Amino acid sequence: MADYHEEKFPEAPLFLRRFTDCGITFVVGGNLNVFGHALFRFGTDVGYIHVDEIHEYPKLIPSSKFQHYLFDNGKHTLHTEEVVIPNPERSLLKIEELRKEKWWWFGIPHNCVAFCEEIIQAGGGKWESVSNLPLIIKETYKGGARPHVRMRRVS
């Protein structure tokens, strides 16, 4: 697996100017996790942060290396859910807080989706996953497989 955790964030003013098209990107493939993996996307030109180990620090993937991440890990993108974060400064503070401690991966209740939710909700975003297993593949009426992501917005 390629290692991108040594990557640095852009300086805060630049980062916050680019914090405009945030979302959660769901990927599948490359391992036995049939439910896929979630990464928080700062912006299409900034990059992603995610947790993917049982007890490890969150990792940053610059946007310029995201396609390499997918290829190196045998993954592909299924879906990106766009989210609005009214207070990106608070999300950035949460990210900095989360990056300083190792994340405990406790399966479904405390996984990559929960990590993304913490960042979004810290900034006042109104998104959460219904199940924390967002990548359930269902058969379409045409007989092909497509991602079915069950999510709801918090009111």
N, C-alpha and C. Protein backbone atom coordinates (compact mmCIF):
# COMPACT_ATOMS: atom_id res chain seq x y z
N MET A 1 0.85 -1.17 0.00
CA MET A 1 0.00 0.00 0.00
C MET A 1 0.89 1.24 0.00
N ALA A 2 0.58 2.19 -0.83
CA ALA A 2 1.34 3.43 -0.88
C ALA A 2 1.07 4.24 0.38
N ASP A 3 2.09 4.95 0.83
CA ASP A 3 2.01 5.69 2.08
C ASP A 3 2.06 7.18 1.79
N TYR A 4 0.99 7.89 2.10
CA TYR A 4 0.90 9.32 1.83
C TYR A 4 0.80 10.13 3.11
N HIS A 5 0.97 9.49 4.28
CA HIS A 5 0.71 10.19 5.53
C HIS A 5 1.73 11.26 5.87
N GLU A 6 2.83 11.34 5.17
CA GLU A 6 3.83 12.38 5.44
C GLU A 6 3.50 13.70 4.72
N GLU A 7 2.44 13.71 3.94
CA GLU A 7 2.07 14.92 3.22
C GLU A 7 1.66 16.01 4.19
N LYS A 8 1.90 17.26 3.80
CA LYS A 8 1.58 18.42 4.64
C LYS A 8 0.35 19.14 4.11
N PHE A 9 -0.38 19.76 5.03
CA PHE A 9 -1.51 20.59 4.64
C PHE A 9 -1.01 21.90 4.05
N PRO A 10 -1.83 22.52 3.19
CA PRO A 10 -1.49 23.89 2.78
C PRO A 10 -1.62 24.81 3.99
N GLU A 11 -1.01 25.98 3.92
CA GLU A 11 -1.15 26.95 5.00
C GLU A 11 -2.62 27.31 5.17
N ALA A 12 -3.03 27.62 6.40
CA ALA A 12 -4.45 27.82 6.72
C ALA A 12 -5.17 28.83 5.81
N PRO A 13 -4.62 30.03 5.53
CA PRO A 13 -5.38 30.95 4.66
C PRO A 13 -5.65 30.36 3.28
N LEU A 14 -4.65 29.71 2.69
CA LEU A 14 -4.82 29.08 1.38
C LEU A 14 -5.81 27.93 1.47
N PHE A 15 -5.65 27.14 2.52
CA PHE A 15 -6.53 26.00 2.74
C PHE A 15 -7.99 26.44 2.84
N LEU A 16 -8.26 27.48 3.61
CA LEU A 16 -9.63 27.93 3.83
C LEU A 16 -10.23 28.53 2.57
N ARG A 17 -9.43 29.18 1.73
CA ARG A 17 -9.94 29.71 0.46
C ARG A 17 -10.38 28.58 -0.45
N ARG A 18 -9.72 27.43 -0.35
CA ARG A 18 -10.03 26.30 -1.22
C ARG A 18 -11.07 25.36 -0.62
N PHE A 19 -11.47 25.58 0.60
CA PHE A 19 -12.39 24.71 1.33
C PHE A 19 -13.81 25.00 0.84
N THR A 20 -14.06 24.82 -0.45
CA THR A 20 -15.34 25.23 -1.03
C THR A 20 -16.14 24.08 -1.61
N ASP A 21 -15.50 23.05 -2.06
CA ASP A 21 -16.24 21.92 -2.66
C ASP A 21 -15.93 20.64 -1.89
N CYS A 22 -16.29 20.67 -0.63
CA CYS A 22 -16.02 19.54 0.27
C CYS A 22 -16.98 18.39 0.00
N GLY A 23 -16.56 17.23 0.43
CA GLY A 23 -17.44 16.08 0.28
C GLY A 23 -16.83 14.84 0.90
N ILE A 24 -17.57 13.76 0.79
CA ILE A 24 -17.08 12.46 1.20
C ILE A 24 -17.01 11.62 -0.07
N THR A 25 -15.84 11.08 -0.32
CA THR A 25 -15.65 10.22 -1.49
C THR A 25 -15.62 8.78 -1.02
N PHE A 26 -16.45 7.96 -1.65
CA PHE A 26 -16.54 6.55 -1.31
C PHE A 26 -15.82 5.74 -2.39
N VAL A 27 -14.94 4.85 -1.95
CA VAL A 27 -14.18 4.01 -2.86
C VAL A 27 -14.36 2.55 -2.47
N VAL A 28 -14.15 1.65 -3.42
CA VAL A 28 -14.20 0.21 -3.16
C VAL A 28 -13.06 -0.47 -3.89
N GLY A 29 -12.80 -1.70 -3.46
CA GLY A 29 -11.79 -2.52 -4.11
C GLY A 29 -10.53 -2.65 -3.28
N GLY A 30 -9.69 -3.55 -3.71
CA GLY A 30 -8.37 -3.68 -3.13
C GLY A 30 -8.25 -4.45 -1.83
N ASN A 31 -9.35 -4.75 -1.18
CA ASN A 31 -9.27 -5.52 0.06
C ASN A 31 -10.58 -6.26 0.29
N LEU A 32 -10.72 -6.84 1.45
CA LEU A 32 -11.90 -7.65 1.75
C LEU A 32 -13.10 -6.84 2.23
N ASN A 33 -12.95 -5.54 2.40
CA ASN A 33 -14.05 -4.70 2.88
C ASN A 33 -15.05 -4.47 1.76
N VAL A 34 -16.11 -5.26 1.74
CA VAL A 34 -17.11 -5.15 0.67
C VAL A 34 -17.96 -3.90 0.80
N PHE A 35 -17.91 -3.23 1.95
CA PHE A 35 -18.70 -2.02 2.14
C PHE A 35 -17.96 -0.76 1.71
N GLY A 36 -16.70 -0.91 1.33
CA GLY A 36 -15.95 0.22 0.82
C GLY A 36 -15.29 1.06 1.90
N HIS A 37 -14.86 2.23 1.48
CA HIS A 37 -14.08 3.12 2.33
C HIS A 37 -14.49 4.55 2.06
N ALA A 38 -14.45 5.39 3.08
CA ALA A 38 -14.82 6.80 2.95
C ALA A 38 -13.62 7.68 3.24
N LEU A 39 -13.46 8.72 2.43
CA LEU A 39 -12.41 9.71 2.62
C LEU A 39 -13.06 11.09 2.63
N PHE A 40 -12.62 11.97 3.51
CA PHE A 40 -13.13 13.34 3.50
C PHE A 40 -12.34 14.12 2.46
N ARG A 41 -13.06 14.78 1.56
CA ARG A 41 -12.42 15.58 0.50
C ARG A 41 -12.47 17.05 0.90
N PHE A 42 -11.30 17.67 1.04
CA PHE A 42 -11.23 19.10 1.35
C PHE A 42 -11.73 19.93 0.19
N GLY A 43 -11.35 19.55 -0.97
CA GLY A 43 -11.68 20.25 -2.19
C GLY A 43 -10.99 19.52 -3.33
N THR A 44 -11.51 19.68 -4.52
CA THR A 44 -10.95 18.93 -5.64
C THR A 44 -9.50 19.29 -5.92
N ASP A 45 -9.06 20.50 -5.54
CA ASP A 45 -7.67 20.85 -5.77
C ASP A 45 -6.82 20.79 -4.51
N VAL A 46 -7.39 20.34 -3.39
CA VAL A 46 -6.64 20.26 -2.14
C VAL A 46 -6.27 18.81 -1.82
N GLY A 47 -7.25 17.97 -1.63
CA GLY A 47 -6.96 16.57 -1.34
C GLY A 47 -7.93 15.95 -0.35
N TYR A 48 -7.50 14.88 0.28
CA TYR A 48 -8.36 14.04 1.09
C TYR A 48 -7.65 13.72 2.41
N ILE A 49 -8.45 13.41 3.43
CA ILE A 49 -7.92 12.87 4.67
C ILE A 49 -8.78 11.67 5.04
N HIS A 50 -8.14 10.63 5.60
CA HIS A 50 -8.89 9.43 5.93
C HIS A 50 -8.18 8.62 6.99
N VAL A 51 -8.90 7.66 7.52
CA VAL A 51 -8.34 6.67 8.44
C VAL A 51 -8.60 5.30 7.85
N ASP A 52 -7.56 4.45 7.87
CA ASP A 52 -7.74 3.14 7.24
C ASP A 52 -7.00 2.02 7.98
N GLU A 53 -6.65 2.28 9.23
CA GLU A 53 -5.98 1.25 10.02
C GLU A 53 -6.63 1.17 11.40
N ILE A 54 -6.40 0.07 12.10
CA ILE A 54 -7.05 -0.16 13.39
C ILE A 54 -6.67 0.88 14.43
N HIS A 55 -5.42 1.28 14.49
CA HIS A 55 -4.98 2.28 15.46
C HIS A 55 -3.81 3.04 14.86
N GLU A 56 -4.13 4.10 14.13
CA GLU A 56 -3.10 4.85 13.44
C GLU A 56 -3.56 6.30 13.25
N TYR A 57 -2.59 7.16 12.93
CA TYR A 57 -2.91 8.56 12.67
C TYR A 57 -3.64 8.70 11.33
N PRO A 58 -4.53 9.68 11.22
CA PRO A 58 -5.18 9.96 9.93
C PRO A 58 -4.12 10.31 8.88
N LYS A 59 -4.46 10.02 7.63
CA LYS A 59 -3.54 10.25 6.53
C LYS A 59 -4.12 11.25 5.54
N LEU A 60 -3.24 12.04 4.97
CA LEU A 60 -3.62 13.02 3.97
C LEU A 60 -3.16 12.53 2.60
N ILE A 61 -4.03 12.68 1.62
CA ILE A 61 -3.68 12.37 0.23
C ILE A 61 -3.91 13.63 -0.58
N PRO A 62 -2.87 14.27 -1.10
CA PRO A 62 -3.07 15.44 -1.96
C PRO A 62 -3.86 15.05 -3.20
N SER A 63 -4.59 15.99 -3.74
CA SER A 63 -5.41 15.69 -4.92
C SER A 63 -4.54 15.20 -6.08
N SER A 64 -3.31 15.70 -6.16
CA SER A 64 -2.42 15.28 -7.25
C SER A 64 -2.01 13.81 -7.13
N LYS A 65 -2.20 13.20 -5.95
CA LYS A 65 -1.81 11.80 -5.75
C LYS A 65 -3.00 10.87 -5.56
N PHE A 66 -4.22 11.40 -5.68
CA PHE A 66 -5.40 10.58 -5.42
C PHE A 66 -5.54 9.45 -6.43
N GLN A 67 -5.31 9.72 -7.71
CA GLN A 67 -5.40 8.65 -8.71
C GLN A 67 -4.34 7.58 -8.47
N HIS A 68 -3.17 7.98 -7.99
CA HIS A 68 -2.13 7.01 -7.62
C HIS A 68 -2.60 6.15 -6.44
N TYR A 69 -3.23 6.79 -5.46
CA TYR A 69 -3.77 6.06 -4.31
C TYR A 69 -4.75 4.98 -4.78
N LEU A 70 -5.67 5.38 -5.68
CA LEU A 70 -6.65 4.42 -6.19
C LEU A 70 -5.95 3.27 -6.91
N PHE A 71 -5.04 3.60 -7.81
CA PHE A 71 -4.35 2.58 -8.59
C PHE A 71 -3.50 1.67 -7.69
N ASP A 72 -2.71 2.27 -6.81
CA ASP A 72 -1.81 1.50 -5.94
C ASP A 72 -2.56 0.54 -5.03
N ASN A 73 -3.80 0.88 -4.70
CA ASN A 73 -4.58 0.06 -3.77
C ASN A 73 -5.69 -0.74 -4.45
N GLY A 74 -5.73 -0.71 -5.77
CA GLY A 74 -6.73 -1.48 -6.51
C GLY A 74 -8.16 -1.01 -6.25
N LYS A 75 -8.32 0.28 -6.03
CA LYS A 75 -9.65 0.84 -5.71
C LYS A 75 -10.17 1.67 -6.87
N HIS A 76 -11.46 1.95 -6.81
CA HIS A 76 -12.06 2.92 -7.73
C HIS A 76 -13.15 3.70 -6.98
N THR A 77 -13.42 4.87 -7.48
CA THR A 77 -14.42 5.75 -6.85
C THR A 77 -15.81 5.30 -7.25
N LEU A 78 -16.68 5.18 -6.25
CA LEU A 78 -18.08 4.87 -6.51
C LEU A 78 -18.94 6.13 -6.51
N HIS A 79 -18.69 7.00 -5.57
CA HIS A 79 -19.60 8.14 -5.38
C HIS A 79 -18.91 9.20 -4.54
N THR A 80 -19.21 10.45 -4.82
CA THR A 80 -18.81 11.54 -3.94
C THR A 80 -20.06 12.29 -3.53
N GLU A 81 -20.26 12.40 -2.25
CA GLU A 81 -21.39 13.14 -1.69
C GLU A 81 -20.89 14.53 -1.34
N GLU A 82 -21.42 15.54 -2.02
CA GLU A 82 -21.04 16.92 -1.74
C GLU A 82 -21.66 17.34 -0.41
N VAL A 83 -20.93 18.10 0.39
CA VAL A 83 -21.46 18.60 1.66
C VAL A 83 -21.15 20.08 1.79
N VAL A 84 -22.01 20.78 2.49
CA VAL A 84 -21.80 22.20 2.77
C VAL A 84 -21.31 22.31 4.21
N ILE A 85 -20.22 23.01 4.39
CA ILE A 85 -19.67 23.24 5.73
C ILE A 85 -19.69 24.74 5.97
N PRO A 86 -20.66 25.21 6.76
CA PRO A 86 -20.80 26.65 6.98
C PRO A 86 -19.61 27.32 7.68
N ASN A 87 -18.92 26.58 8.54
CA ASN A 87 -17.81 27.14 9.29
C ASN A 87 -16.55 26.28 9.07
N PRO A 88 -15.87 26.48 7.94
CA PRO A 88 -14.71 25.63 7.64
C PRO A 88 -13.57 25.78 8.65
N GLU A 89 -13.48 26.94 9.30
CA GLU A 89 -12.43 27.12 10.31
C GLU A 89 -12.58 26.10 11.43
N ARG A 90 -13.83 25.84 11.85
CA ARG A 90 -14.05 24.87 12.92
C ARG A 90 -13.76 23.45 12.45
N SER A 91 -14.07 23.16 11.19
CA SER A 91 -13.71 21.84 10.65
C SER A 91 -12.19 21.68 10.60
N LEU A 92 -11.50 22.73 10.21
CA LEU A 92 -10.04 22.68 10.16
C LEU A 92 -9.45 22.45 11.56
N LEU A 93 -10.02 23.12 12.57
CA LEU A 93 -9.56 22.89 13.94
C LEU A 93 -9.80 21.44 14.36
N LYS A 94 -10.94 20.88 13.97
CA LYS A 94 -11.24 19.47 14.30
C LYS A 94 -10.24 18.55 13.60
N ILE A 95 -9.93 18.84 12.35
CA ILE A 95 -8.96 18.03 11.62
C ILE A 95 -7.61 18.06 12.32
N GLU A 96 -7.17 19.25 12.71
CA GLU A 96 -5.89 19.36 13.40
C GLU A 96 -5.92 18.60 14.72
N GLU A 97 -7.04 18.63 15.42
CA GLU A 97 -7.19 17.87 16.66
C GLU A 97 -7.13 16.37 16.39
N LEU A 98 -7.86 15.91 15.38
CA LEU A 98 -7.89 14.49 15.05
C LEU A 98 -6.54 13.98 14.57
N ARG A 99 -5.79 14.81 13.86
CA ARG A 99 -4.50 14.38 13.32
C ARG A 99 -3.45 14.13 14.38
N LYS A 100 -3.66 14.69 15.59
CA LYS A 100 -2.66 14.57 16.65
C LYS A 100 -2.78 13.28 17.44
N GLU A 101 -3.86 12.57 17.26
CA GLU A 101 -4.08 11.34 18.01
C GLU A 101 -4.36 10.18 17.07
N LYS A 102 -3.94 9.01 17.47
CA LYS A 102 -4.25 7.83 16.68
C LYS A 102 -5.75 7.54 16.78
N TRP A 103 -6.32 7.19 15.66
CA TRP A 103 -7.75 6.88 15.56
C TRP A 103 -7.95 5.40 15.85
N TRP A 104 -8.84 5.10 16.78
CA TRP A 104 -9.20 3.70 17.05
C TRP A 104 -10.31 3.30 16.11
N TRP A 105 -10.07 2.31 15.31
CA TRP A 105 -11.06 1.79 14.37
C TRP A 105 -11.83 0.69 15.07
N PHE A 106 -13.07 1.00 15.45
CA PHE A 106 -13.90 0.03 16.14
C PHE A 106 -15.00 -0.50 15.23
N GLY A 107 -14.64 -0.82 14.02
CA GLY A 107 -15.61 -1.38 13.09
C GLY A 107 -16.70 -0.40 12.71
N ILE A 108 -17.91 -0.86 12.72
CA ILE A 108 -19.03 -0.06 12.22
C ILE A 108 -19.27 1.22 13.02
N PRO A 109 -19.27 1.20 14.35
CA PRO A 109 -19.62 2.44 15.04
C PRO A 109 -18.54 3.52 15.02
N HIS A 110 -17.31 3.18 14.77
CA HIS A 110 -16.22 4.17 14.84
C HIS A 110 -15.25 3.88 13.70
N ASN A 111 -15.69 4.19 12.48
CA ASN A 111 -14.91 3.84 11.29
C ASN A 111 -14.59 5.06 10.44
N CYS A 112 -14.27 4.86 9.19
CA CYS A 112 -13.92 5.94 8.29
C CYS A 112 -15.07 6.91 8.06
N VAL A 113 -16.30 6.41 8.08
CA VAL A 113 -17.46 7.27 7.91
C VAL A 113 -17.64 8.16 9.15
N ALA A 114 -17.49 7.58 10.33
CA ALA A 114 -17.59 8.36 11.57
C ALA A 114 -16.52 9.45 11.61
N PHE A 115 -15.34 9.15 11.11
CA PHE A 115 -14.26 10.13 11.03
C PHE A 115 -14.69 11.33 10.18
N CYS A 116 -15.25 11.06 9.01
CA CYS A 116 -15.73 12.13 8.13
C CYS A 116 -16.85 12.93 8.78
N GLU A 117 -17.76 12.23 9.44
CA GLU A 117 -18.87 12.91 10.12
C GLU A 117 -18.37 13.89 11.17
N GLU A 118 -17.36 13.51 11.92
CA GLU A 118 -16.82 14.41 12.95
C GLU A 118 -16.31 15.71 12.34
N ILE A 119 -15.62 15.62 11.22
CA ILE A 119 -15.08 16.80 10.55
C ILE A 119 -16.21 17.69 10.05
N ILE A 120 -17.18 17.08 9.40
CA ILE A 120 -18.30 17.84 8.83
C ILE A 120 -19.12 18.51 9.92
N GLN A 121 -19.47 17.76 10.94
CA GLN A 121 -20.33 18.29 12.00
C GLN A 121 -19.62 19.35 12.84
N ALA A 122 -18.29 19.27 12.97
CA ALA A 122 -17.55 20.30 13.69
C ALA A 122 -17.70 21.65 13.02
N GLY A 123 -17.80 21.65 11.70
CA GLY A 123 -17.97 22.89 10.95
C GLY A 123 -19.41 23.28 10.71
N GLY A 124 -20.33 22.62 11.39
CA GLY A 124 -21.74 22.96 11.25
C GLY A 124 -22.43 22.29 10.08
N GLY A 125 -21.77 21.35 9.44
CA GLY A 125 -22.40 20.63 8.33
C GLY A 125 -23.52 19.74 8.83
N LYS A 126 -24.51 19.53 8.00
CA LYS A 126 -25.71 18.78 8.38
C LYS A 126 -25.78 17.44 7.65
N TRP A 127 -24.70 16.69 7.70
CA TRP A 127 -24.67 15.40 7.02
C TRP A 127 -24.27 14.32 8.00
N GLU A 128 -24.94 13.19 7.89
CA GLU A 128 -24.52 11.99 8.61
C GLU A 128 -25.02 10.77 7.86
N SER A 129 -24.32 9.69 8.02
CA SER A 129 -24.71 8.44 7.38
C SER A 129 -25.75 7.74 8.24
N VAL A 130 -26.67 7.09 7.61
CA VAL A 130 -27.69 6.33 8.34
C VAL A 130 -27.10 5.08 8.96
N SER A 131 -26.18 4.41 8.25
CA SER A 131 -25.74 3.10 8.70
C SER A 131 -24.25 2.97 9.02
N ASN A 132 -23.42 3.91 8.62
CA ASN A 132 -21.96 3.80 8.69
C ASN A 132 -21.41 2.69 7.79
N LEU A 133 -22.27 2.09 6.98
CA LEU A 133 -21.86 1.16 5.93
C LEU A 133 -22.46 1.68 4.62
N PRO A 134 -21.94 2.80 4.12
CA PRO A 134 -22.61 3.50 3.04
C PRO A 134 -22.51 2.89 1.65
N LEU A 135 -21.65 1.92 1.47
CA LEU A 135 -21.45 1.41 0.12
C LEU A 135 -22.06 0.04 -0.07
N ILE A 136 -23.35 0.00 -0.05
CA ILE A 136 -24.05 -1.27 -0.25
C ILE A 136 -24.36 -1.37 -1.74
N ILE A 137 -23.85 -2.44 -2.36
CA ILE A 137 -24.09 -2.62 -3.79
C ILE A 137 -25.42 -3.34 -3.99
N LYS A 138 -26.25 -2.75 -4.83
CA LYS A 138 -27.55 -3.36 -5.14
C LYS A 138 -27.68 -3.55 -6.64
N GLU A 139 -28.47 -4.51 -6.98
CA GLU A 139 -28.72 -4.75 -8.40
C GLU A 139 -29.71 -3.71 -8.92
N THR A 140 -29.40 -3.17 -10.08
CA THR A 140 -30.34 -2.26 -10.70
C THR A 140 -31.40 -3.06 -11.44
N TYR A 141 -32.44 -2.39 -11.85
CA TYR A 141 -33.49 -3.07 -12.60
C TYR A 141 -32.99 -3.60 -13.93
N LYS A 142 -31.82 -3.10 -14.41
CA LYS A 142 -31.26 -3.59 -15.67
C LYS A 142 -30.35 -4.79 -15.45
N GLY A 143 -30.15 -5.17 -14.20
CA GLY A 143 -29.32 -6.33 -13.93
C GLY A 143 -27.86 -6.01 -13.66
N GLY A 144 -27.46 -4.76 -13.78
CA GLY A 144 -26.08 -4.38 -13.50
C GLY A 144 -25.94 -3.89 -12.07
N ALA A 145 -24.73 -3.86 -11.59
CA ALA A 145 -24.49 -3.40 -10.23
C ALA A 145 -24.26 -1.89 -10.24
N ARG A 146 -24.74 -1.22 -9.24
CA ARG A 146 -24.47 0.20 -9.08
C ARG A 146 -24.40 0.50 -7.59
N PRO A 147 -23.72 1.57 -7.21
CA PRO A 147 -23.66 1.89 -5.78
C PRO A 147 -25.01 2.41 -5.31
N HIS A 148 -25.40 1.98 -4.16
CA HIS A 148 -26.61 2.50 -3.54
C HIS A 148 -26.18 3.06 -2.20
N VAL A 149 -26.15 4.37 -2.09
CA VAL A 149 -25.66 5.02 -0.89
C VAL A 149 -26.87 5.59 -0.14
N ARG A 150 -27.15 5.05 1.01
CA ARG A 150 -28.29 5.50 1.80
C ARG A 150 -27.81 6.51 2.81
N MET A 151 -28.17 7.75 2.59
CA MET A 151 -27.75 8.81 3.47
C MET A 151 -28.92 9.72 3.73
N ARG A 152 -28.80 10.50 4.78
CA ARG A 152 -29.81 11.50 5.05
C ARG A 152 -29.13 12.75 5.58
N ARG A 153 -29.77 13.84 5.42
CA ARG A 153 -29.28 15.10 5.96
C ARG A 153 -29.90 15.29 7.34
N VAL A 154 -29.13 15.89 8.22
CA VAL A 154 -29.63 16.18 9.57
C VAL A 154 -30.36 17.51 9.50
N SER A 155 -31.55 17.56 10.06
CA SER A 155 -32.29 18.84 10.01
C SER A 155 -32.12 19.62 11.28
